[in-house]
């Protein structure tokens, strides 16, 4: 069967993976392929070989009107993959983790292409549950445009407190390099800024973006990842209905007691649970005491309203 823009637009089996110049890259998928693709970037696991190129402008002409999407926006290294996979395990609704095309648009904004991507991401396999999209950190730069496209969209803004975030994303040279790159690109940090200054700038940029999103998305709530880690069942029970998912107590209990919460969410074969995370966190608290003090000083210097900002984020909690 020859793939036409109309055929591609009609089903999630034809996934808009990314853009190459004037073309959209279409990857063959099915429910099983989406479920096993922990991420939908270069690590995607297609239903079969055979990616196709189609002119993006032609696909835009054929694309359906965007339906409501449920969103997970997050600050990275805060359990967003675990949260998305848990919500996926609780229902039959489609869950899309870190679509590459959205990240591309965060790096090179294009309003017409964003409308196309939102339309393609919003497609469903049936039923009433909205597709759930877990974005990645660069997509936080697109929050105003995403909110404007559908102010009624439900969303959770998953985050960590300032010091908890520092522990999560300054714990290795690789993580520190990521913080520096993202902070300089999106948060206005100077290239010569220290790790603490970059971390503070990145956290503040995202918290301000989340506060603005709360104004633009009345159905959005914040969620401190530490609450999710400590109380996964009650968190899922409260959050799932807000994102259009069922919250059957027996199923939630089964998911929380199962392998998803005893293995690393990004690498299912690796043992990892909250007890291991807390042990690591305790060690990092001792090792990084100086870093944490530097981060708090940098944040207070950059944001005299830091305490108020933290209170406003907490006040919007699930």
Protein backbone atom coordinates (compact mmCIF):
# COMPACT_ATOMS: atom_id res chain seq x y z
CA UNK A 1 0.00 0.00 0.00
CA UNK A 2 1.33 3.40 -0.96
CA UNK A 3 1.48 5.74 2.01
CA UNK A 4 -0.28 8.99 1.27
CA UNK A 5 -0.42 11.97 3.64
CA UNK A 6 -4.10 11.16 4.33
CA UNK A 7 -3.30 7.54 5.26
CA UNK A 8 -0.40 8.63 7.46
CA UNK A 9 -2.50 11.22 9.25
CA UNK A 10 -5.34 8.80 9.96
CA UNK A 11 -3.64 6.44 12.42
CA UNK A 12 -1.00 6.41 15.19
CA UNK A 13 0.47 3.43 13.33
CA UNK A 14 2.26 6.09 11.28
CA UNK A 15 4.32 8.06 13.78
CA UNK A 16 5.79 11.46 13.01
CA UNK A 17 9.21 10.87 14.49
CA UNK A 18 11.18 13.94 13.40
CA UNK A 19 11.89 16.40 10.62
CA UNK A 20 14.60 16.25 8.00
CA UNK A 21 14.76 19.51 6.04
CA UNK A 22 11.32 19.92 4.39
CA UNK A 23 10.26 16.34 5.16
CA UNK A 24 8.59 14.56 8.06
CA UNK A 25 10.11 11.22 9.02
CA UNK A 26 7.34 8.66 9.46
CA UNK A 27 8.09 5.51 11.46
CA UNK A 28 5.83 2.41 11.45
CA UNK A 29 4.45 1.74 14.93
CA UNK A 30 1.74 -0.17 16.74
CA UNK A 31 0.61 -0.43 20.35
CA UNK A 32 3.37 -2.88 21.25
CA UNK A 33 6.04 -0.72 19.63
CA UNK A 34 4.92 2.35 21.56
CA UNK A 35 4.90 0.39 24.81
CA UNK A 36 8.42 -0.99 24.39
CA UNK A 37 9.87 2.33 23.18
CA UNK A 38 11.00 3.82 26.46
CA UNK A 39 11.78 6.97 24.45
CA UNK A 40 10.63 8.07 21.02
CA UNK A 41 13.89 9.66 19.92
CA UNK A 42 16.81 7.76 18.40
CA UNK A 43 16.03 4.92 20.83
CA UNK A 44 12.61 4.23 19.29
CA UNK A 45 11.74 0.57 18.70
CA UNK A 46 9.56 0.53 15.54
CA UNK A 47 6.99 -2.07 14.64
CA UNK A 48 9.13 -2.94 11.61
CA UNK A 49 11.74 -1.48 9.32
CA UNK A 50 10.80 1.05 6.72
CA UNK A 51 10.79 4.71 7.79
CA UNK A 52 9.33 6.99 5.12
CA UNK A 53 9.79 10.62 4.19
CA UNK A 54 6.80 12.77 3.33
CA UNK A 55 6.74 16.51 2.67
CA UNK A 56 5.82 18.14 5.96
CA UNK A 57 3.62 20.72 4.23
CA UNK A 58 1.55 17.99 2.56
CA UNK A 59 1.17 16.14 5.84
CA UNK A 60 0.04 19.34 7.53
CA UNK A 61 -2.70 19.73 4.94
CA UNK A 62 -3.96 16.20 5.68
CA UNK A 63 -3.53 16.23 9.47
CA UNK A 64 -6.64 16.06 11.64
CA UNK A 65 -7.62 18.80 14.04
CA UNK A 66 -5.61 18.30 17.21
CA UNK A 67 -7.45 16.55 20.02
CA UNK A 68 -6.71 17.24 23.66
CA UNK A 69 -3.40 15.86 24.87
CA UNK A 70 -2.57 15.11 28.51
CA UNK A 71 0.93 16.24 29.44
CA UNK A 72 3.81 15.45 31.75
CA UNK A 73 6.22 18.38 31.83
CA UNK A 74 9.25 17.93 34.05
CA UNK A 75 12.72 19.14 35.05
CA UNK A 76 14.66 15.88 34.28
CA UNK A 77 15.92 13.19 36.64
CA UNK A 78 12.73 13.44 38.68
CA UNK A 79 10.90 10.19 37.97
CA UNK A 80 9.03 11.32 34.86
CA UNK A 81 9.77 8.12 32.96
CA UNK A 82 8.60 6.04 35.91
CA UNK A 83 5.46 8.14 36.20
CA UNK A 84 4.67 7.86 32.49
CA UNK A 85 5.22 4.10 32.45
CA UNK A 86 3.08 3.63 35.57
CA UNK A 87 0.22 5.59 34.01
CA UNK A 88 0.65 3.53 30.85
CA UNK A 89 0.41 0.30 32.83
CA UNK A 90 -2.86 1.43 34.38
CA UNK A 91 -4.85 1.89 31.19
CA UNK A 92 -5.10 1.31 27.45
CA UNK A 93 -4.46 4.91 26.47
CA UNK A 94 -1.49 5.75 24.31
CA UNK A 95 1.60 7.11 26.10
CA UNK A 96 4.34 8.86 24.14
CA UNK A 97 7.63 9.44 25.91
CA UNK A 98 9.91 12.25 24.71
CA UNK A 99 8.88 12.69 21.08
CA UNK A 100 11.86 13.78 19.02
CA UNK A 101 9.91 16.20 16.85
CA UNK A 102 8.86 18.24 19.89
CA UNK A 103 12.46 18.53 21.03
CA UNK A 104 13.49 19.66 17.56
CA UNK A 105 10.88 22.42 17.69
CA UNK A 106 12.11 23.55 21.10
CA UNK A 107 15.55 24.02 19.56
CA UNK A 108 14.23 25.55 16.31
CA UNK A 109 10.72 26.91 16.86
CA UNK A 110 8.26 26.76 13.97
CA UNK A 111 4.58 27.51 14.73
CA UNK A 112 3.25 25.67 11.67
CA UNK A 113 5.25 22.55 12.45
CA UNK A 114 4.20 22.70 16.10
CA UNK A 115 0.54 22.64 15.02
CA UNK A 116 1.31 19.60 12.88
CA UNK A 117 3.18 17.79 15.65
CA UNK A 118 0.42 18.43 18.19
CA UNK A 119 -2.18 17.11 15.76
CA UNK A 120 -0.16 13.97 15.07
CA UNK A 121 0.66 13.35 18.73
CA UNK A 122 -2.96 13.72 19.76
CA UNK A 123 -4.23 10.81 17.69
CA UNK A 124 -5.67 7.86 19.62
CA UNK A 125 -6.30 4.20 19.03
CA UNK A 126 -9.85 4.56 20.29
CA UNK A 127 -11.60 5.09 23.57
CA UNK A 128 -12.01 8.25 25.55
CA UNK A 129 -8.56 8.53 27.14
CA UNK A 130 -6.43 11.32 25.72
CA UNK A 131 -2.97 10.50 24.50
CA UNK A 132 -0.45 11.21 27.25
CA UNK A 133 2.79 12.89 26.19
CA UNK A 134 5.86 13.03 28.42
CA UNK A 135 7.94 15.88 27.06
CA UNK A 136 11.60 16.49 27.81
CA UNK A 137 13.34 19.51 29.32
CA UNK A 138 13.85 21.60 26.16
CA UNK A 139 10.10 21.39 25.51
CA UNK A 140 9.57 23.55 28.60
CA UNK A 141 10.56 26.41 26.30
CA UNK A 142 7.43 25.66 24.24
CA UNK A 143 5.03 25.73 27.18
CA UNK A 144 3.41 29.06 26.21
CA UNK A 145 2.69 27.84 22.68
CA UNK A 146 1.46 24.43 23.82
CA UNK A 147 -0.83 26.02 26.39
CA UNK A 148 -2.18 28.49 23.85
CA UNK A 149 -2.98 25.63 21.46
CA UNK A 150 -5.27 23.96 24.04
CA UNK A 151 -5.80 25.83 27.32
CA UNK A 152 -8.07 23.01 28.55
CA UNK A 153 -5.32 20.39 28.35
CA UNK A 154 -4.64 18.52 31.59
CA UNK A 155 -1.02 18.54 32.71
CA UNK A 156 1.25 17.66 35.59
CA UNK A 157 4.34 19.78 36.19
CA UNK A 158 6.74 17.35 37.83
CA UNK A 159 9.61 18.96 39.68
CA UNK A 160 12.07 18.78 42.56
CA UNK A 161 12.92 21.38 45.18
CA UNK A 162 16.09 23.35 44.58
CA UNK A 163 18.45 21.26 46.70
CA UNK A 164 16.84 17.97 45.64
CA UNK A 165 17.27 19.03 42.02
CA UNK A 166 20.93 19.81 42.63
CA UNK A 167 21.43 16.35 44.11
CA UNK A 168 19.78 14.77 41.06
CA UNK A 169 21.55 16.68 38.30
CA UNK A 170 24.97 17.60 39.71
CA UNK A 171 25.89 14.12 40.86
CA UNK A 172 28.40 13.33 38.11
CA UNK A 173 30.56 15.16 35.56
CA UNK A 174 28.23 13.97 32.79
CA UNK A 175 25.19 15.38 34.58
CA UNK A 176 27.00 18.66 35.23
CA UNK A 177 27.83 18.97 31.56
CA UNK A 178 24.17 18.51 30.70
CA UNK A 179 23.16 21.19 33.21
CA UNK A 180 25.66 23.62 31.76
CA UNK A 181 24.56 23.03 28.16
CA UNK A 182 20.84 23.38 28.90
CA UNK A 183 21.27 26.34 31.26
CA UNK A 184 23.29 28.29 28.73
CA UNK A 185 20.93 27.46 25.85
CA UNK A 186 17.59 28.02 27.57
CA UNK A 187 18.04 29.67 30.97
CA UNK A 188 20.34 32.55 30.07
CA UNK A 189 23.28 31.34 32.10
CA UNK A 190 26.62 32.84 31.00
CA UNK A 191 29.05 30.36 29.45
CA UNK A 192 31.50 31.12 32.24
CA UNK A 193 28.99 30.52 35.04
CA UNK A 194 29.80 28.02 37.78
CA UNK A 195 27.96 24.72 38.12
CA UNK A 196 25.95 26.16 41.01
CA UNK A 197 25.00 29.24 39.01
CA UNK A 198 23.98 27.12 36.02
CA UNK A 199 21.91 24.84 38.23
CA UNK A 200 20.19 27.77 39.90
CA UNK A 201 19.48 29.42 36.56
CA UNK A 202 18.07 26.20 35.09
CA UNK A 203 15.84 25.49 38.08
CA UNK A 204 14.57 29.08 38.23
CA UNK A 205 13.84 29.14 34.49
CA UNK A 206 11.78 25.99 34.77
CA UNK A 207 9.91 27.05 37.90
CA UNK A 208 8.98 30.37 36.30
CA UNK A 209 7.89 28.52 33.17
CA UNK A 210 5.76 26.20 35.31
CA UNK A 211 4.15 29.10 37.17
CA UNK A 212 3.26 30.75 33.87
CA UNK A 213 1.86 27.42 32.65
CA UNK A 214 -0.36 27.18 35.72
CA UNK A 215 -1.93 30.48 34.70
CA UNK A 216 -2.42 29.36 31.09
CA UNK A 217 -3.52 25.78 31.85
CA UNK A 218 -6.21 25.78 34.56
CA UNK A 219 -6.23 21.96 34.63
CA UNK A 220 -2.50 21.76 35.45
CA UNK A 221 -1.06 20.83 38.83
CA UNK A 222 2.45 20.64 40.23
CA UNK A 223 3.88 17.47 41.74
CA UNK A 224 7.04 17.22 43.82
CA UNK A 225 8.83 14.08 42.71
CA UNK A 226 9.75 13.27 46.31
CA UNK A 227 6.05 12.81 47.06
CA UNK A 228 5.68 10.47 44.09
CA UNK A 229 8.71 8.44 45.15
CA UNK A 230 7.51 8.17 48.75
CA UNK A 231 3.79 7.62 48.07
CA UNK A 232 3.40 6.20 44.56
CA UNK A 233 0.00 4.56 45.08
CA UNK A 234 -1.74 7.59 46.57
CA UNK A 235 -0.08 9.88 44.03
CA UNK A 236 -1.25 7.77 41.10
CA UNK A 237 -4.72 7.53 42.61
CA UNK A 238 -4.98 11.32 42.76
CA UNK A 239 -3.23 12.10 39.49
CA UNK A 240 -4.60 9.51 37.05
CA UNK A 241 -8.15 10.91 36.82
CA UNK A 242 -6.78 14.41 36.27
CA UNK A 243 -4.93 13.09 33.21
CA UNK A 244 -7.92 11.18 31.88
CA UNK A 245 -6.76 7.78 33.17
CA UNK A 246 -8.63 5.25 35.30
CA UNK A 247 -7.57 4.88 38.92
CA UNK A 248 -8.64 1.33 39.79
CA UNK A 249 -7.21 0.63 43.28
CA UNK A 250 -6.40 -3.01 42.57
CA UNK A 251 -4.54 -2.17 39.38
CA UNK A 252 -2.61 0.65 41.03
CA UNK A 253 -1.58 -1.68 43.85
CA UNK A 254 -0.48 -4.28 41.32
CA UNK A 255 1.60 -1.78 39.34
CA UNK A 256 3.29 -0.32 42.42
CA UNK A 257 4.11 -3.80 43.79
CA UNK A 258 5.37 -5.03 40.42
CA UNK A 259 8.67 -4.89 38.56
CA UNK A 260 8.21 -1.33 37.34
CA UNK A 261 8.93 0.03 40.82
CA UNK A 262 11.79 -2.36 41.55
CA UNK A 263 13.80 -1.74 38.37
CA UNK A 264 15.30 1.31 36.70
CA UNK A 265 12.54 2.85 34.60
CA UNK A 266 14.88 3.70 31.72
CA UNK A 267 16.56 0.27 31.76
CA UNK A 268 14.01 -2.32 32.85
CA UNK A 269 16.59 -5.04 33.46
CA UNK A 270 18.48 -3.05 36.10
CA UNK A 271 17.39 -3.39 39.73
CA UNK A 272 16.54 -0.05 41.35
CA UNK A 273 13.91 1.11 43.83
CA UNK A 274 13.20 3.99 46.17
CA UNK A 275 15.25 2.47 48.99
CA UNK A 276 18.32 2.40 46.74
CA UNK A 277 17.57 5.96 45.61
CA UNK A 278 17.30 7.19 49.20
CA UNK A 279 20.58 5.50 50.10
CA UNK A 280 22.25 7.24 47.17
CA UNK A 281 20.61 10.51 48.13
CA UNK A 282 21.96 10.25 51.69
CA UNK A 283 25.49 9.74 50.40
CA UNK A 284 25.13 12.66 48.00
CA UNK A 285 23.87 14.92 50.79
CA UNK A 286 27.16 14.37 52.60
CA UNK A 287 29.34 14.64 49.53
CA UNK A 288 27.64 17.69 48.05
CA UNK A 289 27.00 19.83 51.12
CA UNK A 290 29.20 22.60 49.73
CA UNK A 291 27.51 22.44 46.32
CA UNK A 292 24.08 22.72 47.91
CA UNK A 293 25.06 25.82 49.86
CA UNK A 294 26.49 27.35 46.68
CA UNK A 295 23.30 26.55 44.76
CA UNK A 296 21.08 28.17 47.39
CA UNK A 297 23.28 31.28 47.44
CA UNK A 298 23.26 31.49 43.64
CA UNK A 299 19.49 31.12 43.52
CA UNK A 300 18.93 33.79 46.18
CA UNK A 301 21.26 36.13 44.34
CA UNK A 302 19.48 35.57 41.02
CA UNK A 303 15.95 35.57 42.47
CA UNK A 304 15.17 37.77 45.49
CA UNK A 305 11.65 36.34 45.31
CA UNK A 306 12.93 32.76 45.68
CA UNK A 307 10.92 31.97 48.83
CA UNK A 308 7.71 33.28 47.29
CA UNK A 309 8.37 31.31 44.12
CA UNK A 310 8.85 28.09 46.10
CA UNK A 311 5.62 28.73 48.01
CA UNK A 312 3.65 29.34 44.82
CA UNK A 313 4.88 26.10 43.28
CA UNK A 314 3.94 24.19 46.45
CA UNK A 315 0.52 25.86 46.61
CA UNK A 316 -0.40 24.39 43.21
CA UNK A 317 0.52 20.85 44.26
CA UNK A 318 -1.66 17.86 43.46
